[in-house]
Amino acid sequence: YMRDRAADVWSRTLATEGLNRTLTSAHPS
């Protein structure tokens, strides 16, 4: 189960949170 799910779970969590942070960040870059 760990082998099957880890990459999907962690990558999508990082991707969606990364996009979310670009919305809330004040940094123009």
PDB file of all heavy atoms in Angstrom:
ATOM      1  N   TYR A   1       0.840  -1.206   0.000  1.00  0.00           N
ATOM      2  CA  TYR A   1       0.000   0.000   0.000  1.00  0.00           C
ATOM      3  C   TYR A   1       0.874   1.254   0.000  1.00  0.00           C
ATOM      4  O   TYR A   1       0.604   2.206  -0.745  1.00  0.00           O
ATOM      5  CB  TYR A   1      -0.923  -0.015   1.215  1.00  0.00           C
ATOM      6  CG  TYR A   1      -1.876   1.166   1.272  1.00  0.00           C
ATOM      7  CD1 TYR A   1      -2.967   1.236   0.412  1.00  0.00           C
ATOM      8  CD2 TYR A   1      -1.673   2.206   2.171  1.00  0.00           C
ATOM      9  CE1 TYR A   1      -3.841   2.315   0.449  1.00  0.00           C
ATOM     10  CE2 TYR A   1      -2.541   3.284   2.224  1.00  0.00           C
ATOM     11  CZ  TYR A   1      -3.617   3.337   1.356  1.00  0.00           C
ATOM     12  OH  TYR A   1      -4.487   4.414   1.395  1.00  0.00           O
ATOM     13  N   MET A   2       1.902   1.243   0.815  1.00  0.00           N
ATOM     14  CA  MET A   2       2.810   2.394   0.853  1.00  0.00           C
ATOM     15  C   MET A   2       3.456   2.639  -0.508  1.00  0.00           C
ATOM     16  O   MET A   2       3.526   3.772  -0.990  1.00  0.00           O
ATOM     17  CB  MET A   2       3.894   2.156   1.904  1.00  0.00           C
ATOM     18  CG  MET A   2       3.467   2.463   3.322  1.00  0.00           C
ATOM     19  SD  MET A   2       3.456   4.247   3.647  1.00  0.00           S
ATOM     20  CE  MET A   2       5.206   4.607   3.595  1.00  0.00           C
ATOM     21  N   ARG A   3       3.942   1.571  -1.145  1.00  0.00           N
ATOM     22  CA  ARG A   3       4.585   1.724  -2.462  1.00  0.00           C
ATOM     23  C   ARG A   3       3.602   2.299  -3.477  1.00  0.00           C
ATOM     24  O   ARG A   3       3.972   3.126  -4.310  1.00  0.00           O
ATOM     25  CB  ARG A   3       5.107   0.373  -2.958  1.00  0.00           C
ATOM     26  CG  ARG A   3       6.399  -0.100  -2.327  1.00  0.00           C
ATOM     27  CD  ARG A   3       7.004  -1.250  -3.137  1.00  0.00           C
ATOM     28  NE  ARG A   3       6.057  -2.362  -3.286  1.00  0.00           N
ATOM     29  CZ  ARG A   3       5.949  -3.365  -2.422  1.00  0.00           C
ATOM     30  NH1 ARG A   3       6.725  -3.400  -1.342  1.00  0.00           N
ATOM     31  NH2 ARG A   3       5.094  -4.341  -2.632  1.00  0.00           N
ATOM     32  N   ASP A   4       2.359   1.838  -3.408  1.00  0.00           N
ATOM     33  CA  ASP A   4       1.363   2.240  -4.396  1.00  0.00           C
ATOM     34  C   ASP A   4       0.881   3.672  -4.201  1.00  0.00           C
ATOM     35  O   ASP A   4       0.625   4.373  -5.175  1.00  0.00           O
ATOM     36  CB  ASP A   4       0.174   1.276  -4.328  1.00  0.00           C
ATOM     37  CG  ASP A   4      -0.774   1.440  -5.496  1.00  0.00           C
ATOM     38  OD1 ASP A   4      -0.299   1.696  -6.617  1.00  0.00           O
ATOM     39  OD2 ASP A   4      -1.994   1.322  -5.287  1.00  0.00           O
ATOM     40  N   ARG A   5       0.802   4.134  -2.946  1.00  0.00           N
ATOM     41  CA  ARG A   5       0.127   5.392  -2.690  1.00  0.00           C
ATOM     42  C   ARG A   5       1.043   6.565  -2.351  1.00  0.00           C
ATOM     43  O   ARG A   5       0.641   7.724  -2.498  1.00  0.00           O
ATOM     44  CB  ARG A   5      -0.868   5.223  -1.516  1.00  0.00           C
ATOM     45  CG  ARG A   5      -1.967   4.240  -1.787  1.00  0.00           C
ATOM     46  CD  ARG A   5      -2.775   4.595  -3.047  1.00  0.00           C
ATOM     47  NE  ARG A   5      -3.314   5.939  -2.971  1.00  0.00           N
ATOM     48  CZ  ARG A   5      -3.302   6.786  -4.003  1.00  0.00           C
ATOM     49  NH1 ARG A   5      -2.796   6.434  -5.171  1.00  0.00           N
ATOM     50  NH2 ARG A   5      -3.820   7.987  -3.862  1.00  0.00           N
ATOM     51  N   ALA A   6       2.248   6.291  -1.860  1.00  0.00           N
ATOM     52  CA  ALA A   6       3.058   7.379  -1.312  1.00  0.00           C
ATOM     53  C   ALA A   6       3.329   8.495  -2.323  1.00  0.00           C
ATOM     54  O   ALA A   6       3.111   9.677  -2.026  1.00  0.00           O
ATOM     55  CB  ALA A   6       4.372   6.825  -0.764  1.00  0.00           C
ATOM     56  N   ALA A   7       3.792   8.156  -3.521  1.00  0.00           N
ATOM     57  CA  ALA A   7       4.161   9.193  -4.489  1.00  0.00           C
ATOM     58  C   ALA A   7       2.953  10.024  -4.895  1.00  0.00           C
ATOM     59  O   ALA A   7       3.030  11.258  -5.002  1.00  0.00           O
ATOM     60  CB  ALA A   7       4.808   8.550  -5.714  1.00  0.00           C
ATOM     61  N   ASP A   8       1.814   9.367  -5.126  1.00  0.00           N
ATOM     62  CA  ASP A   8       0.591  10.074  -5.521  1.00  0.00           C
ATOM     63  C   ASP A   8       0.161  11.048  -4.428  1.00  0.00           C
ATOM     64  O   ASP A   8      -0.116  12.225  -4.685  1.00  0.00           O
ATOM     65  CB  ASP A   8      -0.505   9.041  -5.799  1.00  0.00           C
ATOM     66  CG  ASP A   8      -1.748   9.629  -6.458  1.00  0.00           C
ATOM     67  OD1 ASP A   8      -1.662  10.750  -7.016  1.00  0.00           O
ATOM     68  OD2 ASP A   8      -2.804   8.976  -6.415  1.00  0.00           O
ATOM     69  N   VAL A   9       0.113  10.562  -3.197  1.00  0.00           N
ATOM     70  CA  VAL A   9      -0.342  11.398  -2.079  1.00  0.00           C
ATOM     71  C   VAL A   9       0.596  12.575  -1.856  1.00  0.00           C
ATOM     72  O   VAL A   9       0.170  13.740  -1.785  1.00  0.00           O
ATOM     73  CB  VAL A   9      -0.471  10.561  -0.793  1.00  0.00           C
ATOM     74  CG1 VAL A   9      -0.635  11.458   0.433  1.00  0.00           C
ATOM     75  CG2 VAL A   9      -1.649   9.600  -0.902  1.00  0.00           C
ATOM     76  N   TRP A  10       1.882  12.305  -1.749  1.00  0.00           N
ATOM     77  CA  TRP A  10       2.820  13.373  -1.410  1.00  0.00           C
ATOM     78  C   TRP A  10       2.966  14.381  -2.544  1.00  0.00           C
ATOM     79  O   TRP A  10       3.035  15.588  -2.305  1.00  0.00           O
ATOM     80  CB  TRP A  10       4.170  12.781  -1.015  1.00  0.00           C
ATOM     81  CG  TRP A  10       4.095  11.968   0.247  1.00  0.00           C
ATOM     82  CD1 TRP A  10       3.171  12.093   1.255  1.00  0.00           C
ATOM     83  CD2 TRP A  10       4.960  10.904   0.640  1.00  0.00           C
ATOM     84  NE1 TRP A  10       3.396  11.168   2.241  1.00  0.00           N
ATOM     85  CE2 TRP A  10       4.502  10.417   1.892  1.00  0.00           C
ATOM     86  CE3 TRP A  10       6.073  10.302   0.068  1.00  0.00           C
ATOM     87  CZ2 TRP A  10       5.119   9.376   2.565  1.00  0.00           C
ATOM     88  CZ3 TRP A  10       6.692   9.260   0.744  1.00  0.00           C
ATOM     89  CH2 TRP A  10       6.220   8.816   1.977  1.00  0.00           C
ATOM     90  N   SER A  11       3.018  13.908  -3.788  1.00  0.00           N
ATOM     91  CA  SER A  11       3.207  14.840  -4.910  1.00  0.00           C
ATOM     92  C   SER A  11       1.999  15.753  -5.081  1.00  0.00           C
ATOM     93  O   SER A  11       2.144  16.955  -5.330  1.00  0.00           O
ATOM     94  CB  SER A  11       3.491  14.082  -6.207  1.00  0.00           C
ATOM     95  OG  SER A  11       2.371  13.316  -6.613  1.00  0.00           O
ATOM     96  N   ARG A  12       0.807  15.212  -4.925  1.00  0.00           N
ATOM     97  CA  ARG A  12      -0.386  16.053  -5.108  1.00  0.00           C
ATOM     98  C   ARG A  12      -0.592  17.006  -3.938  1.00  0.00           C
ATOM     99  O   ARG A  12      -1.097  18.124  -4.120  1.00  0.00           O
ATOM    100  CB  ARG A  12      -1.604  15.177  -5.362  1.00  0.00           C
ATOM    101  CG  ARG A  12      -1.541  14.551  -6.740  1.00  0.00           C
ATOM    102  CD  ARG A  12      -2.669  13.589  -7.038  1.00  0.00           C
ATOM    103  NE  ARG A  12      -2.294  12.782  -8.187  1.00  0.00           N
ATOM    104  CZ  ARG A  12      -2.391  13.189  -9.457  1.00  0.00           C
ATOM    105  NH1 ARG A  12      -2.864  14.384  -9.721  1.00  0.00           N
ATOM    106  NH2 ARG A  12      -2.021  12.403 -10.441  1.00  0.00           N
ATOM    107  N   THR A  13      -0.207  16.587  -2.749  1.00  0.00           N
ATOM    108  CA  THR A  13      -0.268  17.499  -1.615  1.00  0.00           C
ATOM    109  C   THR A  13       0.680  18.664  -1.832  1.00  0.00           C
ATOM    110  O   THR A  13       0.319  19.836  -1.647  1.00  0.00           O
ATOM    111  CB  THR A  13       0.092  16.768  -0.302  1.00  0.00           C
ATOM    112  OG1 THR A  13      -0.790  15.665  -0.111  1.00  0.00           O
ATOM    113  CG2 THR A  13      -0.032  17.712   0.889  1.00  0.00           C
ATOM    114  N   LEU A  14       1.917  18.366  -2.253  1.00  0.00           N
ATOM    115  CA  LEU A  14       2.893  19.420  -2.508  1.00  0.00           C
ATOM    116  C   LEU A  14       2.450  20.332  -3.645  1.00  0.00           C
ATOM    117  O   LEU A  14       2.592  21.558  -3.567  1.00  0.00           O
ATOM    118  CB  LEU A  14       4.256  18.797  -2.831  1.00  0.00           C
ATOM    119  CG  LEU A  14       5.013  18.176  -1.660  1.00  0.00           C
ATOM    120  CD1 LEU A  14       6.226  17.399  -2.167  1.00  0.00           C
ATOM    121  CD2 LEU A  14       5.442  19.240  -0.663  1.00  0.00           C
ATOM    122  N   ALA A  15       1.896  19.744  -4.709  1.00  0.00           N
ATOM    123  CA  ALA A  15       1.509  20.543  -5.878  1.00  0.00           C
ATOM    124  C   ALA A  15       0.364  21.491  -5.557  1.00  0.00           C
ATOM    125  O   ALA A  15       0.415  22.684  -5.902  1.00  0.00           O
ATOM    126  CB  ALA A  15       1.135  19.620  -7.034  1.00  0.00           C
ATOM    127  N   THR A  16      -0.670  20.981  -4.895  1.00  0.00           N
ATOM    128  CA  THR A  16      -1.817  21.848  -4.594  1.00  0.00           C
ATOM    129  C   THR A  16      -1.455  22.900  -3.557  1.00  0.00           C
ATOM    130  O   THR A  16      -1.875  24.054  -3.655  1.00  0.00           O
ATOM    131  CB  THR A  16      -3.025  21.031  -4.116  1.00  0.00           C
ATOM    132  OG1 THR A  16      -2.643  20.207  -3.008  1.00  0.00           O
ATOM    133  CG2 THR A  16      -3.575  20.161  -5.227  1.00  0.00           C
ATOM    134  N   GLU A  17      -0.655  22.530  -2.561  1.00  0.00           N
ATOM    135  CA  GLU A  17      -0.247  23.520  -1.569  1.00  0.00           C
ATOM    136  C   GLU A  17       0.710  24.538  -2.182  1.00  0.00           C
ATOM    137  O   GLU A  17       0.660  25.733  -1.850  1.00  0.00           O
ATOM    138  CB  GLU A  17       0.401  22.830  -0.366  1.00  0.00           C
ATOM    139  CG  GLU A  17       1.012  23.766   0.660  1.00  0.00           C
ATOM    140  CD  GLU A  17       0.063  24.787   1.278  1.00  0.00           C
ATOM    141  OE1 GLU A  17      -1.095  24.936   0.813  1.00  0.00           O
ATOM    142  OE2 GLU A  17       0.469  25.470   2.234  1.00  0.00           O
ATOM    143  N   GLY A  18       1.555  24.099  -3.098  1.00  0.00           N
ATOM    144  CA  GLY A  18       2.434  25.043  -3.775  1.00  0.00           C
ATOM    145  C   GLY A  18       1.649  26.083  -4.548  1.00  0.00           C
ATOM    146  O   GLY A  18       1.943  27.290  -4.480  1.00  0.00           O
ATOM    147  N   LEU A  19       0.631  25.637  -5.286  1.00  0.00           N
ATOM    148  CA  LEU A  19      -0.207  26.583  -6.025  1.00  0.00           C
ATOM    149  C   LEU A  19      -0.962  27.487  -5.067  1.00  0.00           C
ATOM    150  O   LEU A  19      -1.074  28.702  -5.287  1.00  0.00           O
ATOM    151  CB  LEU A  19      -1.187  25.821  -6.926  1.00  0.00           C
ATOM    152  CG  LEU A  19      -2.172  26.668  -7.730  1.00  0.00           C
ATOM    153  CD1 LEU A  19      -1.442  27.710  -8.578  1.00  0.00           C
ATOM    154  CD2 LEU A  19      -3.043  25.779  -8.610  1.00  0.00           C
ATOM    155  N   ASN A  20      -1.471  26.917  -3.987  1.00  0.00           N
ATOM    156  CA  ASN A  20      -2.203  27.716  -2.998  1.00  0.00           C
ATOM    157  C   ASN A  20      -1.308  28.818  -2.434  1.00  0.00           C
ATOM    158  O   ASN A  20      -1.732  29.963  -2.255  1.00  0.00           O
ATOM    159  CB  ASN A  20      -2.706  26.804  -1.878  1.00  0.00           C
ATOM    160  CG  ASN A  20      -3.644  27.516  -0.922  1.00  0.00           C
ATOM    161  OD1 ASN A  20      -4.501  28.280  -1.325  1.00  0.00           O
ATOM    162  ND2 ASN A  20      -3.460  27.272   0.367  1.00  0.00           N
ATOM    163  N   ARG A  21      -0.051  28.479  -2.147  1.00  0.00           N
ATOM    164  CA  ARG A  21       0.863  29.481  -1.576  1.00  0.00           C
ATOM    165  C   ARG A  21       1.214  30.573  -2.573  1.00  0.00           C
ATOM    166  O   ARG A  21       1.473  31.714  -2.185  1.00  0.00           O
ATOM    167  CB  ARG A  21       2.126  28.799  -1.059  1.00  0.00           C
ATOM    168  CG  ARG A  21       1.915  28.075   0.271  1.00  0.00           C
ATOM    169  CD  ARG A  21       3.197  27.439   0.772  1.00  0.00           C
ATOM    170  NE  ARG A  21       2.994  26.772   2.045  1.00  0.00           N
ATOM    171  CZ  ARG A  21       3.116  27.352   3.234  1.00  0.00           C
ATOM    172  NH1 ARG A  21       3.426  28.649   3.303  1.00  0.00           N
ATOM    173  NH2 ARG A  21       2.930  26.676   4.350  1.00  0.00           N
ATOM    174  N   THR A  22       1.243  30.255  -3.870  1.00  0.00           N
ATOM    175  CA  THR A  22       1.502  31.317  -4.848  1.00  0.00           C
ATOM    176  C   THR A  22       0.350  32.314  -4.886  1.00  0.00           C
ATOM    177  O   THR A  22       0.551  33.479  -5.236  1.00  0.00           O
ATOM    178  CB  THR A  22       1.735  30.761  -6.268  1.00  0.00           C
ATOM    179  OG1 THR A  22       0.523  30.188  -6.772  1.00  0.00           O
ATOM    180  CG2 THR A  22       2.847  29.736  -6.303  1.00  0.00           C
ATOM    181  N   LEU A  23      -0.862  31.861  -4.521  1.00  0.00           N
ATOM    182  CA  LEU A  23      -1.996  32.783  -4.486  1.00  0.00           C
ATOM    183  C   LEU A  23      -1.911  33.719  -3.296  1.00  0.00           C
ATOM    184  O   LEU A  23      -2.221  34.908  -3.393  1.00  0.00           O
ATOM    185  CB  LEU A  23      -3.316  32.002  -4.416  1.00  0.00           C
ATOM    186  CG  LEU A  23      -3.628  31.023  -5.531  1.00  0.00           C
ATOM    187  CD1 LEU A  23      -5.004  30.411  -5.327  1.00  0.00           C
ATOM    188  CD2 LEU A  23      -3.556  31.703  -6.884  1.00  0.00           C
ATOM    189  N   THR A  24      -1.512  33.174  -2.129  1.00  0.00           N
ATOM    190  CA  THR A  24      -1.539  33.951  -0.897  1.00  0.00           C
ATOM    191  C   THR A  24      -0.238  34.709  -0.640  1.00  0.00           C
ATOM    192  O   THR A  24      -0.191  35.582   0.227  1.00  0.00           O
ATOM    193  CB  THR A  24      -1.825  33.038   0.309  1.00  0.00           C
ATOM    194  OG1 THR A  24      -0.826  32.012   0.386  1.00  0.00           O
ATOM    195  CG2 THR A  24      -3.186  32.364   0.152  1.00  0.00           C
ATOM    196  N   SER A  25       0.824  34.390  -1.394  1.00  0.00           N
ATOM    197  CA  SER A  25       2.108  35.049  -1.175  1.00  0.00           C
ATOM    198  C   SER A  25       2.077  36.491  -1.683  1.00  0.00           C
ATOM    199  O   SER A  25       1.401  36.822  -2.662  1.00  0.00           O
ATOM    200  CB  SER A  25       3.219  34.279  -1.903  1.00  0.00           C
ATOM    201  OG  SER A  25       4.428  34.996  -1.855  1.00  0.00           O
ATOM    202  N   ALA A  26       2.863  37.339  -1.017  1.00  0.00           N
ATOM    203  CA  ALA A  26       2.989  38.738  -1.440  1.00  0.00           C
ATOM    204  C   ALA A  26       4.186  38.954  -2.360  1.00  0.00           C
ATOM    205  O   ALA A  26       4.431  40.080  -2.794  1.00  0.00           O
ATOM    206  CB  ALA A  26       3.121  39.639  -0.213  1.00  0.00           C
ATOM    207  N   HIS A  27       4.939  37.898  -2.677  1.00  0.00           N
ATOM    208  CA  HIS A  27       6.165  38.052  -3.462  1.00  0.00           C
ATOM    209  C   HIS A  27       5.849  38.127  -4.964  1.00  0.00           C
ATOM    210  O   HIS A  27       5.326  37.172  -5.544  1.00  0.00           O
ATOM    211  CB  HIS A  27       7.118  36.880  -3.205  1.00  0.00           C
ATOM    212  CG  HIS A  27       7.644  36.851  -1.803  1.00  0.00           C
ATOM    213  ND1 HIS A  27       8.511  37.796  -1.316  1.00  0.00           N
ATOM    214  CD2 HIS A  27       7.402  35.985  -0.783  1.00  0.00           C
ATOM    215  CE1 HIS A  27       8.806  37.533  -0.058  1.00  0.00           C
ATOM    216  NE2 HIS A  27       8.142  36.434   0.291  1.00  0.00           N
ATOM    217  N   PRO A  28       6.175  39.233  -5.626  1.00  0.00           N
ATOM    218  CA  PRO A  28       5.925  39.357  -7.071  1.00  0.00           C
ATOM    219  C   PRO A  28       6.612  38.279  -7.891  1.00  0.00           C
ATOM    220  O   PRO A  28       6.111  37.883  -8.948  1.00  0.00           O
ATOM    221  CB  PRO A  28       6.474  40.750  -7.408  1.00  0.00           C
ATOM    222  CG  PRO A  28       6.449  41.500  -6.115  1.00  0.00           C
ATOM    223  CD  PRO A  28       6.729  40.474  -5.065  1.00  0.00           C
ATOM    224  N   SER A  29       7.787  37.785  -7.427  1.00  0.00           N
ATOM    225  CA  SER A  29       8.498  36.770  -8.200  1.00  0.00           C
ATOM    226  C   SER A  29       7.675  35.490  -8.311  1.00  0.00           C
ATOM    227  O   SER A  29       7.672  34.828  -9.368  1.00  0.00           O
ATOM    228  CB  SER A  29       9.854  36.459  -7.557  1.00  0.00           C
ATOM    229  OG  SER A  29       9.685  36.014  -6.215  1.00  0.00           O
TER     230      SER A  29
END
